[in-house]
PDB file of all heavy atoms in Angstrom:
ATOM      1  N   GLY A   1    -188.398   9.100  43.244  1.00  0.00           N
ATOM      2  CA  GLY A   1    -187.374  10.153  42.954  1.00  0.00           C
ATOM      3  C   GLY A   1    -186.024   9.503  42.614  1.00  0.00           C
ATOM      4  O   GLY A   1    -185.669   8.473  43.180  1.00  0.00           O
ATOM      5  N   TRP A   2    -185.343  10.240  41.753  1.00  0.00           N
ATOM      6  CA  TRP A   2    -183.949   9.911  41.513  1.00  0.00           C
ATOM      7  C   TRP A   2    -183.125  11.004  42.162  1.00  0.00           C
ATOM      8  O   TRP A   2    -183.355  12.221  41.917  1.00  0.00           O
ATOM      9  CB  TRP A   2    -183.585   9.836  40.016  1.00  0.00           C
ATOM     10  CG  TRP A   2    -184.052   8.614  39.319  1.00  0.00           C
ATOM     11  CD1 TRP A   2    -185.182   8.455  38.635  1.00  0.00           C
ATOM     12  CD2 TRP A   2    -183.395   7.404  39.344  1.00  0.00           C
ATOM     13  NE1 TRP A   2    -185.314   7.204  38.126  1.00  0.00           N
ATOM     14  CE2 TRP A   2    -184.233   6.464  38.563  1.00  0.00           C
ATOM     15  CE3 TRP A   2    -182.184   6.868  39.886  1.00  0.00           C
ATOM     16  CZ2 TRP A   2    -183.860   5.166  38.384  1.00  0.00           C
ATOM     17  CZ3 TRP A   2    -181.885   5.545  39.704  1.00  0.00           C
ATOM     18  CH2 TRP A   2    -182.674   4.684  38.922  1.00  0.00           C
ATOM     19  N   PHE A   3    -182.165  10.605  42.970  1.00  0.00           N
ATOM     20  CA  PHE A   3    -181.253  11.514  43.677  1.00  0.00           C
ATOM     21  C   PHE A   3    -179.825  11.167  43.344  1.00  0.00           C
ATOM     22  O   PHE A   3    -179.588   9.983  42.925  1.00  0.00           O
ATOM     23  CB  PHE A   3    -181.495  11.439  45.187  1.00  0.00           C
ATOM     24  CG  PHE A   3    -182.887  11.783  45.573  1.00  0.00           C
ATOM     25  CD1 PHE A   3    -183.908  10.825  45.533  1.00  0.00           C
ATOM     26  CD2 PHE A   3    -183.206  13.055  46.017  1.00  0.00           C
ATOM     27  CE1 PHE A   3    -185.194  11.148  45.874  1.00  0.00           C
ATOM     28  CE2 PHE A   3    -184.513  13.407  46.402  1.00  0.00           C
ATOM     29  CZ  PHE A   3    -185.516  12.452  46.327  1.00  0.00           C
ATOM     30  N   ARG A   4    -178.906  12.084  43.528  1.00  0.00           N
ATOM     31  CA  ARG A   4    -177.487  11.736  43.266  1.00  0.00           C
ATOM     32  C   ARG A   4    -176.634  12.393  44.316  1.00  0.00           C
ATOM     33  O   ARG A   4    -176.966  13.465  44.887  1.00  0.00           O
ATOM     34  CB  ARG A   4    -177.077  12.150  41.836  1.00  0.00           C
ATOM     35  CG  ARG A   4    -177.033  13.640  41.636  1.00  0.00           C
ATOM     36  CD  ARG A   4    -176.738  13.907  40.138  1.00  0.00           C
ATOM     37  NE  ARG A   4    -176.684  15.334  39.864  1.00  0.00           N
ATOM     38  CZ  ARG A   4    -176.602  15.856  38.616  1.00  0.00           C
ATOM     39  NH1 ARG A   4    -176.475  15.090  37.542  1.00  0.00           N
ATOM     40  NH2 ARG A   4    -176.560  17.163  38.460  1.00  0.00           N
ATOM     41  N   GLN A   5    -175.472  11.799  44.525  1.00  0.00           N
ATOM     42  CA  GLN A   5    -174.508  12.342  45.476  1.00  0.00           C
ATOM     43  C   GLN A   5    -173.103  12.137  44.914  1.00  0.00           C
ATOM     44  O   GLN A   5    -172.719  10.997  44.647  1.00  0.00           O
ATOM     45  CB  GLN A   5    -174.659  11.671  46.803  1.00  0.00           C
ATOM     46  CG  GLN A   5    -173.801  12.341  47.884  1.00  0.00           C
ATOM     47  CD  GLN A   5    -174.178  11.891  49.272  1.00  0.00           C
ATOM     48  OE1 GLN A   5    -174.814  10.861  49.493  1.00  0.00           O
ATOM     49  NE2 GLN A   5    -173.822  12.684  50.277  1.00  0.00           N
ATOM     50  N   ALA A   6    -172.483  13.224  44.722  1.00  0.00           N
ATOM     51  CA  ALA A   6    -171.024  13.244  44.285  1.00  0.00           C
ATOM     52  C   ALA A   6    -170.155  13.355  45.516  1.00  0.00           C
ATOM     53  O   ALA A   6    -170.564  13.849  46.509  1.00  0.00           O
ATOM     54  CB  ALA A   6    -170.833  14.447  43.324  1.00  0.00           C
ATOM     55  N   PRO A   7    -168.867  12.876  45.384  1.00  0.00           N
ATOM     56  CA  PRO A   7    -168.012  12.930  46.556  1.00  0.00           C
ATOM     57  C   PRO A   7    -167.889  14.365  47.116  1.00  0.00           C
ATOM     58  O   PRO A   7    -167.705  15.313  46.344  1.00  0.00           O
ATOM     59  CB  PRO A   7    -166.660  12.480  45.949  1.00  0.00           C
ATOM     60  CG  PRO A   7    -167.003  11.629  44.815  1.00  0.00           C
ATOM     61  CD  PRO A   7    -168.248  12.293  44.287  1.00  0.00           C
ATOM     62  N   GLY A   8    -168.038  14.479  48.421  1.00  0.00           N
ATOM     63  CA  GLY A   8    -167.911  15.777  49.087  1.00  0.00           C
ATOM     64  C   GLY A   8    -169.130  16.671  48.932  1.00  0.00           C
ATOM     65  O   GLY A   8    -169.049  17.820  49.363  1.00  0.00           O
ATOM     66  N   GLN A   9    -170.168  16.240  48.310  1.00  0.00           N
ATOM     67  CA  GLN A   9    -171.358  17.015  48.077  1.00  0.00           C
ATOM     68  C   GLN A   9    -172.582  16.437  48.727  1.00  0.00           C
ATOM     69  O   GLN A   9    -172.590  15.256  49.063  1.00  0.00           O
ATOM     70  CB  GLN A   9    -171.629  17.196  46.605  1.00  0.00           C
ATOM     71  CG  GLN A   9    -170.435  17.958  45.868  1.00  0.00           C
ATOM     72  CD  GLN A   9    -170.810  18.330  44.419  1.00  0.00           C
ATOM     73  OE1 GLN A   9    -171.987  18.299  44.034  1.00  0.00           O
ATOM     74  NE2 GLN A   9    -169.823  18.539  43.594  1.00  0.00           N
ATOM     75  N   GLU A  10    -173.545  17.264  48.966  1.00  0.00           N
ATOM     76  CA  GLU A  10    -174.854  16.789  49.526  1.00  0.00           C
ATOM     77  C   GLU A  10    -175.606  16.033  48.468  1.00  0.00           C
ATOM     78  O   GLU A  10    -175.517  16.300  47.287  1.00  0.00           O
ATOM     79  CB  GLU A  10    -175.663  17.920  50.107  1.00  0.00           C
ATOM     80  CG  GLU A  10    -174.987  18.570  51.281  1.00  0.00           C
ATOM     81  CD  GLU A  10    -175.890  19.674  51.943  1.00  0.00           C
ATOM     82  OE1 GLU A  10    -176.968  19.864  51.379  1.00  0.00           O
ATOM     83  OE2 GLU A  10    -175.450  20.251  52.987  1.00  0.00           O
ATOM     84  N   ARG A  11    -176.477  15.156  48.981  1.00  0.00           N
ATOM     85  CA  ARG A  11    -177.413  14.466  48.066  1.00  0.00           C
ATOM     86  C   ARG A  11    -178.418  15.492  47.516  1.00  0.00           C
ATOM     87  O   ARG A  11    -178.978  16.287  48.244  1.00  0.00           O
ATOM     88  CB  ARG A  11    -178.129  13.342  48.775  1.00  0.00           C
ATOM     89  CG  ARG A  11    -178.984  12.445  47.889  1.00  0.00           C
ATOM     90  CD  ARG A  11    -179.491  11.219  48.647  1.00  0.00           C
ATOM     91  NE  ARG A  11    -178.367  10.419  49.135  1.00  0.00           N
ATOM     92  CZ  ARG A  11    -178.519   9.197  49.710  1.00  0.00           C
ATOM     93  NH1 ARG A  11    -179.768   8.757  49.867  1.00  0.00           N
ATOM     94  NH2 ARG A  11    -177.506   8.485  50.123  1.00  0.00           N
ATOM     95  N   GLU A  12    -178.675  15.420  46.163  1.00  0.00           N
ATOM     96  CA  GLU A  12    -179.622  16.363  45.595  1.00  0.00           C
ATOM     97  C   GLU A  12    -180.672  15.572  44.775  1.00  0.00           C
ATOM     98  O   GLU A  12    -180.429  14.550  44.218  1.00  0.00           O
ATOM     99  CB  GLU A  12    -178.879  17.349  44.687  1.00  0.00           C
ATOM    100  CG  GLU A  12    -178.205  16.713  43.430  1.00  0.00           C
ATOM    101  CD  GLU A  12    -177.779  17.784  42.438  1.00  0.00           C
ATOM    102  OE1 GLU A  12    -178.225  18.849  42.434  1.00  0.00           O
ATOM    103  OE2 GLU A  12    -176.851  17.313  41.592  1.00  0.00           O
ATOM    104  N   GLY A  13    -181.800  16.181  44.682  1.00  0.00           N
ATOM    105  CA  GLY A  13    -182.931  15.578  43.888  1.00  0.00           C
ATOM    106  C   GLY A  13    -182.650  15.890  42.431  1.00  0.00           C
ATOM    107  O   GLY A  13    -182.458  17.070  42.053  1.00  0.00           O
ATOM    108  N   VAL A  14    -182.649  14.882  41.567  1.00  0.00           N
ATOM    109  CA  VAL A  14    -182.378  15.041  40.205  1.00  0.00           C
ATOM    110  C   VAL A  14    -183.703  15.101  39.453  1.00  0.00           C
ATOM    111  O   VAL A  14    -183.946  16.045  38.651  1.00  0.00           O
ATOM    112  CB  VAL A  14    -181.584  13.876  39.640  1.00  0.00           C
ATOM    113  CG1 VAL A  14    -181.389  13.936  38.158  1.00  0.00           C
ATOM    114  CG2 VAL A  14    -180.225  13.782  40.374  1.00  0.00           C
ATOM    115  N   SER A  15    -184.571  14.114  39.634  1.00  0.00           N
ATOM    116  CA  SER A  15    -185.892  14.116  38.928  1.00  0.00           C
ATOM    117  C   SER A  15    -186.778  13.176  39.739  1.00  0.00           C
ATOM    118  O   SER A  15    -186.394  12.211  40.207  1.00  0.00           O
ATOM    119  CB  SER A  15    -185.653  13.512  37.556  1.00  0.00           C
ATOM    120  OG  SER A  15    -186.914  13.570  36.820  1.00  0.00           O
ATOM    121  N   CYS A  16    -188.056  13.622  39.772  1.00  0.00           N
ATOM    122  CA  CYS A  16    -189.001  12.856  40.567  1.00  0.00           C
ATOM    123  C   CYS A  16    -190.363  12.839  39.786  1.00  0.00           C
ATOM    124  O   CYS A  16    -190.654  13.750  38.994  1.00  0.00           O
ATOM    125  CB  CYS A  16    -189.216  13.588  41.899  1.00  0.00           C
ATOM    126  SG  CYS A  16    -187.686  13.619  42.861  1.00  0.00           S
ATOM    127  N   ILE A  17    -191.159  11.838  40.155  1.00  0.00           N
ATOM    128  CA  ILE A  17    -192.468  11.653  39.455  1.00  0.00           C
ATOM    129  C   ILE A  17    -193.494  11.169  40.443  1.00  0.00           C
ATOM    130  O   ILE A  17    -193.198  10.385  41.356  1.00  0.00           O
ATOM    131  CB  ILE A  17    -192.221  10.609  38.333  1.00  0.00           C
ATOM    132  CG1 ILE A  17    -193.496  10.483  37.390  1.00  0.00           C
ATOM    133  CG2 ILE A  17    -191.843   9.232  38.822  1.00  0.00           C
ATOM    134  CD1 ILE A  17    -193.195   9.797  36.096  1.00  0.00           C
ATOM    135  N   SER A  18    -194.682  11.655  40.258  1.00  0.00           N
ATOM    136  CA  SER A  18    -195.778  11.264  41.183  1.00  0.00           C
ATOM    137  C   SER A  18    -196.215   9.863  40.854  1.00  0.00           C
ATOM    138  O   SER A  18    -195.807   9.276  39.867  1.00  0.00           O
ATOM    139  CB  SER A  18    -196.937  12.280  40.952  1.00  0.00           C
ATOM    140  OG  SER A  18    -197.468  12.173  39.677  1.00  0.00           O
ATOM    141  N   SER A  19    -197.118   9.322  41.702  1.00  0.00           N
ATOM    142  CA  SER A  19    -197.545   7.971  41.559  1.00  0.00           C
ATOM    143  C   SER A  19    -198.309   7.785  40.198  1.00  0.00           C
ATOM    144  O   SER A  19    -198.186   6.695  39.598  1.00  0.00           O
ATOM    145  CB  SER A  19    -198.439   7.544  42.721  1.00  0.00           C
ATOM    146  OG  SER A  19    -199.552   8.369  42.793  1.00  0.00           O
ATOM    147  N   SER A  20    -199.005   8.744  39.771  1.00  0.00           N
ATOM    148  CA  SER A  20    -199.778   8.627  38.535  1.00  0.00           C
ATOM    149  C   SER A  20    -198.952   8.930  37.322  1.00  0.00           C
ATOM    150  O   SER A  20    -199.357   8.608  36.202  1.00  0.00           O
ATOM    151  CB  SER A  20    -200.943   9.626  38.550  1.00  0.00           C
ATOM    152  OG  SER A  20    -200.498  10.933  38.480  1.00  0.00           O
ATOM    153  N   GLY A  21    -197.793   9.568  37.498  1.00  0.00           N
ATOM    154  CA  GLY A  21    -197.023   9.989  36.415  1.00  0.00           C
ATOM    155  C   GLY A  21    -197.320  11.370  35.866  1.00  0.00           C
ATOM    156  O   GLY A  21    -196.683  11.864  34.983  1.00  0.00           O
ATOM    157  N   GLY A  22    -198.330  11.933  36.472  1.00  0.00           N
ATOM    158  CA  GLY A  22    -198.829  13.223  35.923  1.00  0.00           C
ATOM    159  C   GLY A  22    -198.043  14.447  36.350  1.00  0.00           C
ATOM    160  O   GLY A  22    -198.194  15.494  35.849  1.00  0.00           O
ATOM    161  N   SER A  23    -197.216  14.252  37.364  1.00  0.00           N
ATOM    162  CA  SER A  23    -196.446  15.328  37.883  1.00  0.00           C
ATOM    163  C   SER A  23    -194.989  14.946  37.949  1.00  0.00           C
ATOM    164  O   SER A  23    -194.620  13.901  38.493  1.00  0.00           O
ATOM    165  CB  SER A  23    -196.880  15.703  39.307  1.00  0.00           C
ATOM    166  OG  SER A  23    -196.014  16.582  39.926  1.00  0.00           O
ATOM    167  N   THR A  24    -194.125  15.720  37.258  1.00  0.00           N
ATOM    168  CA  THR A  24    -192.674  15.450  37.261  1.00  0.00           C
ATOM    169  C   THR A  24    -191.902  16.680  37.644  1.00  0.00           C
ATOM    170  O   THR A  24    -192.444  17.796  37.591  1.00  0.00           O
ATOM    171  CB  THR A  24    -192.202  14.961  35.849  1.00  0.00           C
ATOM    172  OG1 THR A  24    -192.481  16.010  34.871  1.00  0.00           O
ATOM    173  CG2 THR A  24    -192.854  13.694  35.459  1.00  0.00           C
ATOM    174  N   ASN A  25    -190.725  16.488  38.110  1.00  0.00           N
ATOM    175  CA  ASN A  25    -189.838  17.564  38.519  1.00  0.00           C
ATOM    176  C   ASN A  25    -188.432  17.298  38.064  1.00  0.00           C
ATOM    177  O   ASN A  25    -187.998  16.151  38.141  1.00  0.00           O
ATOM    178  CB  ASN A  25    -189.924  17.786  40.027  1.00  0.00           C
ATOM    179  CG  ASN A  25    -189.187  19.026  40.458  1.00  0.00           C
ATOM    180  OD1 ASN A  25    -189.682  20.135  40.290  1.00  0.00           O
ATOM    181  ND2 ASN A  25    -188.040  18.853  41.061  1.00  0.00           N
TER     182      ASN A  25
END
């Protein structure tokens, strides 16, 4: 997963991928 955190904000999920690559978000 790729996550990001801006100053003063909570960490959020940006984009994620399963081990096979068949499922993304």
